[in-house]
Amino acid sequence: MLGLLLLYWIGKHFYKLAEEYRKSQWGFTILGIIAYYGGIVFFSFTLGIVLEIISPGYVESINEFVYGILMIPFGLLTCYLLYLYLEKSWKRKTVDLSERINEISVTE
């Protein structure tokens, strides 16, 4: 149940961001959810490899539930970084219409 609420929350924020900049709302909602799971998978493998290098055989004794809970912040971090990147790049590409109108009136 917690996972569904988390996915809803992530999707809602990406949906609003895409709506604000007139992009594909559902496409970026799905991208946000994929980024969440991608971050979890990437950091799980990375942490597993590091733990196996430091202490061989330790990964086999890790409680999977605790390991899954430990990976949630990494998935959220990945989503947050993607959100900031998209917001920054879209804000930079967005043209302020009032400034463009003032530029046109000045040149004439």
N, C-alpha and C. Protein backbone atom coordinates (compact mmCIF):
# COMPACT_ATOMS: atom_id res chain seq x y z
N MET A 1 0.82 -1.19 0.00
CA MET A 1 0.00 0.00 0.00
C MET A 1 0.87 1.26 0.00
N LEU A 2 1.94 1.22 0.78
CA LEU A 2 2.85 2.37 0.83
C LEU A 2 3.47 2.62 -0.54
N GLY A 3 3.79 1.54 -1.24
CA GLY A 3 4.38 1.66 -2.57
C GLY A 3 3.44 2.34 -3.55
N LEU A 4 2.16 2.01 -3.50
CA LEU A 4 1.18 2.63 -4.39
C LEU A 4 1.02 4.11 -4.10
N LEU A 5 1.00 4.47 -2.83
CA LEU A 5 0.90 5.88 -2.47
C LEU A 5 2.13 6.65 -2.91
N LEU A 6 3.28 6.03 -2.80
CA LEU A 6 4.52 6.65 -3.24
C LEU A 6 4.53 6.86 -4.75
N LEU A 7 4.07 5.86 -5.50
CA LEU A 7 4.00 5.99 -6.96
C LEU A 7 2.99 7.06 -7.36
N TYR A 8 1.88 7.14 -6.65
CA TYR A 8 0.89 8.18 -6.92
C TYR A 8 1.49 9.56 -6.69
N TRP A 9 2.20 9.72 -5.59
CA TRP A 9 2.81 11.00 -5.24
C TRP A 9 3.85 11.42 -6.29
N ILE A 10 4.68 10.48 -6.70
CA ILE A 10 5.69 10.77 -7.72
C ILE A 10 5.01 11.15 -9.03
N GLY A 11 4.04 10.35 -9.44
CA GLY A 11 3.34 10.61 -10.68
C GLY A 11 2.62 11.94 -10.69
N LYS A 12 2.03 12.29 -9.56
CA LYS A 12 1.29 13.55 -9.46
C LYS A 12 2.20 14.75 -9.67
N HIS A 13 3.39 14.71 -9.09
CA HIS A 13 4.31 15.83 -9.23
C HIS A 13 4.85 15.96 -10.65
N PHE A 14 5.17 14.83 -11.27
CA PHE A 14 5.64 14.88 -12.65
C PHE A 14 4.51 15.31 -13.59
N TYR A 15 3.28 14.90 -13.30
CA TYR A 15 2.13 15.29 -14.11
C TYR A 15 1.93 16.81 -14.05
N LYS A 16 2.00 17.37 -12.85
CA LYS A 16 1.84 18.82 -12.70
C LYS A 16 2.96 19.59 -13.38
N LEU A 17 4.18 19.09 -13.28
CA LEU A 17 5.31 19.75 -13.93
C LEU A 17 5.13 19.76 -15.45
N ALA A 18 4.75 18.63 -16.01
CA ALA A 18 4.54 18.55 -17.45
C ALA A 18 3.36 19.41 -17.89
N GLU A 19 2.34 19.48 -17.07
CA GLU A 19 1.18 20.32 -17.39
C GLU A 19 1.56 21.80 -17.38
N GLU A 20 2.40 22.19 -16.45
CA GLU A 20 2.82 23.59 -16.34
C GLU A 20 3.59 24.04 -17.57
N TYR A 21 4.41 23.15 -18.13
CA TYR A 21 5.22 23.51 -19.28
C TYR A 21 4.66 22.98 -20.60
N ARG A 22 3.42 22.52 -20.56
CA ARG A 22 2.69 22.04 -21.74
C ARG A 22 3.43 20.91 -22.45
N LYS A 23 3.80 19.91 -21.70
CA LYS A 23 4.43 18.70 -22.23
C LYS A 23 3.46 17.54 -22.04
N SER A 24 3.84 16.36 -22.49
CA SER A 24 3.00 15.17 -22.37
C SER A 24 2.90 14.76 -20.90
N GLN A 25 1.71 14.95 -20.32
CA GLN A 25 1.56 14.68 -18.89
C GLN A 25 1.77 13.21 -18.55
N TRP A 26 1.11 12.32 -19.27
CA TRP A 26 1.21 10.91 -18.93
C TRP A 26 2.58 10.34 -19.27
N GLY A 27 3.19 10.84 -20.31
CA GLY A 27 4.53 10.38 -20.66
C GLY A 27 5.54 10.69 -19.57
N PHE A 28 5.47 11.90 -19.03
CA PHE A 28 6.43 12.27 -17.99
C PHE A 28 6.05 11.69 -16.63
N THR A 29 4.77 11.38 -16.43
CA THR A 29 4.37 10.66 -15.22
C THR A 29 5.01 9.27 -15.22
N ILE A 30 4.92 8.60 -16.35
CA ILE A 30 5.52 7.27 -16.47
C ILE A 30 7.04 7.36 -16.37
N LEU A 31 7.63 8.40 -16.96
CA LEU A 31 9.08 8.59 -16.86
C LEU A 31 9.52 8.76 -15.40
N GLY A 32 8.75 9.48 -14.61
CA GLY A 32 9.07 9.65 -13.20
C GLY A 32 9.04 8.34 -12.44
N ILE A 33 8.04 7.51 -12.73
CA ILE A 33 7.94 6.21 -12.06
C ILE A 33 9.07 5.29 -12.50
N ILE A 34 9.41 5.33 -13.80
CA ILE A 34 10.53 4.53 -14.29
C ILE A 34 11.84 5.00 -13.65
N ALA A 35 11.99 6.31 -13.47
CA ALA A 35 13.19 6.84 -12.82
C ALA A 35 13.28 6.34 -11.38
N TYR A 36 12.15 6.26 -10.69
CA TYR A 36 12.13 5.75 -9.31
C TYR A 36 12.64 4.32 -9.26
N TYR A 37 12.06 3.47 -10.10
CA TYR A 37 12.48 2.07 -10.10
C TYR A 37 13.91 1.91 -10.64
N GLY A 38 14.28 2.72 -11.62
CA GLY A 38 15.64 2.67 -12.14
C GLY A 38 16.66 3.05 -11.09
N GLY A 39 16.35 4.08 -10.30
CA GLY A 39 17.24 4.48 -9.21
C GLY A 39 17.39 3.39 -8.17
N ILE A 40 16.29 2.72 -7.86
CA ILE A 40 16.34 1.62 -6.89
C ILE A 40 17.22 0.49 -7.41
N VAL A 41 17.03 0.12 -8.67
CA VAL A 41 17.81 -0.98 -9.25
C VAL A 41 19.29 -0.61 -9.32
N PHE A 42 19.58 0.60 -9.80
CA PHE A 42 20.97 1.02 -9.93
C PHE A 42 21.69 1.03 -8.59
N PHE A 43 21.08 1.65 -7.58
CA PHE A 43 21.74 1.74 -6.28
C PHE A 43 21.76 0.39 -5.56
N SER A 44 20.78 -0.46 -5.81
CA SER A 44 20.81 -1.81 -5.23
C SER A 44 21.99 -2.60 -5.74
N PHE A 45 22.18 -2.58 -7.06
CA PHE A 45 23.33 -3.28 -7.64
C PHE A 45 24.64 -2.67 -7.15
N THR A 46 24.70 -1.36 -7.12
CA THR A 46 25.93 -0.69 -6.70
C THR A 46 26.27 -1.04 -5.25
N LEU A 47 25.28 -0.94 -4.37
CA LEU A 47 25.52 -1.27 -2.96
C LEU A 47 25.84 -2.74 -2.78
N GLY A 48 25.17 -3.60 -3.54
CA GLY A 48 25.46 -5.03 -3.46
C GLY A 48 26.88 -5.35 -3.88
N ILE A 49 27.34 -4.72 -4.94
CA ILE A 49 28.71 -4.95 -5.41
C ILE A 49 29.72 -4.43 -4.39
N VAL A 50 29.46 -3.24 -3.86
CA VAL A 50 30.38 -2.67 -2.86
C VAL A 50 30.43 -3.55 -1.61
N LEU A 51 29.27 -4.01 -1.14
CA LEU A 51 29.25 -4.88 0.04
C LEU A 51 29.95 -6.20 -0.22
N GLU A 52 29.78 -6.72 -1.42
CA GLU A 52 30.42 -8.00 -1.74
C GLU A 52 31.95 -7.85 -1.84
N ILE A 53 32.40 -6.69 -2.32
CA ILE A 53 33.85 -6.45 -2.38
C ILE A 53 34.42 -6.27 -0.98
N ILE A 54 33.71 -5.53 -0.14
CA ILE A 54 34.20 -5.26 1.22
C ILE A 54 34.16 -6.52 2.08
N SER A 55 33.03 -7.21 2.04
CA SER A 55 32.86 -8.39 2.88
C SER A 55 32.21 -9.50 2.05
N PRO A 56 33.00 -10.38 1.45
CA PRO A 56 32.43 -11.43 0.61
C PRO A 56 31.44 -12.33 1.36
N GLY A 57 30.30 -12.58 0.75
CA GLY A 57 29.29 -13.43 1.36
C GLY A 57 28.29 -12.70 2.21
N TYR A 58 28.49 -11.41 2.45
CA TYR A 58 27.59 -10.65 3.32
C TYR A 58 26.23 -10.43 2.67
N VAL A 59 26.23 -10.29 1.35
CA VAL A 59 24.98 -9.98 0.63
C VAL A 59 23.96 -11.11 0.80
N GLU A 60 24.42 -12.34 0.92
CA GLU A 60 23.51 -13.48 1.07
C GLU A 60 22.76 -13.45 2.39
N SER A 61 23.31 -12.79 3.39
CA SER A 61 22.68 -12.79 4.71
C SER A 61 21.85 -11.53 4.98
N ILE A 62 21.73 -10.63 4.00
CA ILE A 62 20.97 -9.40 4.20
C ILE A 62 19.48 -9.70 4.14
N ASN A 63 18.74 -9.09 5.05
CA ASN A 63 17.28 -9.20 5.05
C ASN A 63 16.74 -8.41 3.86
N GLU A 64 16.01 -9.05 2.97
CA GLU A 64 15.55 -8.41 1.75
C GLU A 64 14.56 -7.27 2.02
N PHE A 65 13.74 -7.42 3.03
CA PHE A 65 12.77 -6.37 3.36
C PHE A 65 13.49 -5.09 3.80
N VAL A 66 14.47 -5.24 4.66
CA VAL A 66 15.24 -4.08 5.14
C VAL A 66 16.02 -3.46 3.99
N TYR A 67 16.57 -4.29 3.12
CA TYR A 67 17.32 -3.80 1.97
C TYR A 67 16.39 -3.02 1.03
N GLY A 68 15.17 -3.50 0.85
CA GLY A 68 14.19 -2.80 0.03
C GLY A 68 13.80 -1.45 0.62
N ILE A 69 13.59 -1.41 1.93
CA ILE A 69 13.26 -0.15 2.61
C ILE A 69 14.44 0.82 2.52
N LEU A 70 15.65 0.29 2.60
CA LEU A 70 16.85 1.11 2.51
C LEU A 70 16.99 1.76 1.13
N MET A 71 16.46 1.14 0.10
CA MET A 71 16.61 1.64 -1.27
C MET A 71 15.56 2.70 -1.63
N ILE A 72 14.51 2.85 -0.86
CA ILE A 72 13.46 3.85 -1.18
C ILE A 72 14.03 5.26 -1.26
N PRO A 73 14.86 5.71 -0.31
CA PRO A 73 15.41 7.07 -0.46
C PRO A 73 16.25 7.26 -1.72
N PHE A 74 16.93 6.21 -2.16
CA PHE A 74 17.73 6.33 -3.38
C PHE A 74 16.83 6.48 -4.61
N GLY A 75 15.70 5.79 -4.62
CA GLY A 75 14.75 5.95 -5.71
C GLY A 75 14.14 7.34 -5.71
N LEU A 76 13.82 7.84 -4.54
CA LEU A 76 13.27 9.19 -4.43
C LEU A 76 14.30 10.24 -4.82
N LEU A 77 15.55 10.01 -4.47
CA LEU A 77 16.62 10.93 -4.86
C LEU A 77 16.76 10.99 -6.38
N THR A 78 16.68 9.86 -7.03
CA THR A 78 16.75 9.81 -8.48
C THR A 78 15.60 10.59 -9.10
N CYS A 79 14.39 10.40 -8.58
CA CYS A 79 13.22 11.13 -9.08
C CYS A 79 13.39 12.63 -8.87
N TYR A 80 13.88 13.01 -7.72
CA TYR A 80 14.04 14.43 -7.41
C TYR A 80 15.06 15.08 -8.34
N LEU A 81 16.16 14.38 -8.60
CA LEU A 81 17.17 14.93 -9.50
C LEU A 81 16.64 15.05 -10.92
N LEU A 82 15.86 14.07 -11.38
CA LEU A 82 15.24 14.15 -12.70
C LEU A 82 14.25 15.30 -12.75
N TYR A 83 13.47 15.47 -11.70
CA TYR A 83 12.49 16.55 -11.62
C TYR A 83 13.18 17.91 -11.72
N LEU A 84 14.26 18.08 -10.96
CA LEU A 84 15.00 19.35 -11.01
C LEU A 84 15.61 19.59 -12.38
N TYR A 85 16.14 18.54 -12.99
CA TYR A 85 16.73 18.67 -14.33
C TYR A 85 15.68 19.08 -15.35
N LEU A 86 14.53 18.42 -15.34
CA LEU A 86 13.48 18.76 -16.30
C LEU A 86 12.96 20.17 -16.07
N GLU A 87 12.74 20.53 -14.82
CA GLU A 87 12.24 21.87 -14.51
C GLU A 87 13.23 22.94 -14.96
N LYS A 88 14.49 22.73 -14.70
CA LYS A 88 15.51 23.71 -15.08
C LYS A 88 15.63 23.83 -16.59
N SER A 89 15.65 22.70 -17.28
CA SER A 89 15.79 22.77 -18.74
C SER A 89 14.54 23.34 -19.40
N TRP A 90 13.36 23.03 -18.90
CA TRP A 90 12.14 23.58 -19.49
C TRP A 90 12.00 25.06 -19.18
N LYS A 91 12.41 25.47 -17.99
CA LYS A 91 12.33 26.88 -17.63
C LYS A 91 13.27 27.70 -18.51
N ARG A 92 14.43 27.15 -18.82
CA ARG A 92 15.39 27.85 -19.66
C ARG A 92 14.87 27.98 -21.09
N LYS A 93 14.14 26.99 -21.57
CA LYS A 93 13.63 27.01 -22.94
C LYS A 93 12.33 27.79 -23.09
N THR A 94 11.66 28.06 -21.99
CA THR A 94 10.40 28.78 -22.04
C THR A 94 10.66 30.26 -22.31
N VAL A 95 9.95 30.80 -23.26
CA VAL A 95 10.10 32.20 -23.63
C VAL A 95 9.01 33.00 -22.91
N ASP A 96 9.42 34.06 -22.23
CA ASP A 96 8.45 34.93 -21.57
C ASP A 96 7.82 35.84 -22.63
N LEU A 97 6.51 35.69 -22.80
CA LEU A 97 5.82 36.43 -23.86
C LEU A 97 5.86 37.94 -23.66
N SER A 98 5.79 38.40 -22.44
CA SER A 98 5.81 39.85 -22.20
C SER A 98 7.15 40.45 -22.60
N GLU A 99 8.25 39.72 -22.36
CA GLU A 99 9.55 40.22 -22.79
C GLU A 99 9.66 40.24 -24.30
N ARG A 100 9.12 39.22 -24.96
CA ARG A 100 9.17 39.17 -26.42
C ARG A 100 8.35 40.30 -27.02
N ILE A 101 7.22 40.61 -26.43
CA ILE A 101 6.37 41.71 -26.93
C ILE A 101 7.11 43.04 -26.77
N ASN A 102 7.78 43.21 -25.63
CA ASN A 102 8.54 44.45 -25.41
C ASN A 102 9.69 44.57 -26.40
N GLU A 103 10.35 43.47 -26.72
CA GLU A 103 11.43 43.50 -27.70
C GLU A 103 10.91 43.92 -29.08
N ILE A 104 9.75 43.43 -29.45
CA ILE A 104 9.18 43.77 -30.75
C ILE A 104 8.83 45.26 -30.80
N SER A 105 8.26 45.76 -29.74
CA SER A 105 7.84 47.16 -29.74
C SER A 105 9.07 48.10 -29.72
N VAL A 106 10.16 47.69 -29.12
CA VAL A 106 11.36 48.52 -29.06
C VAL A 106 12.03 48.61 -30.44
N THR A 107 12.05 47.53 -31.18
CA THR A 107 12.72 47.52 -32.47
C THR A 107 11.97 48.31 -33.52
N GLU A 108 10.71 48.54 -33.35
CA GLU A 108 9.92 49.26 -34.35
C GLU A 108 10.01 50.69 -34.09
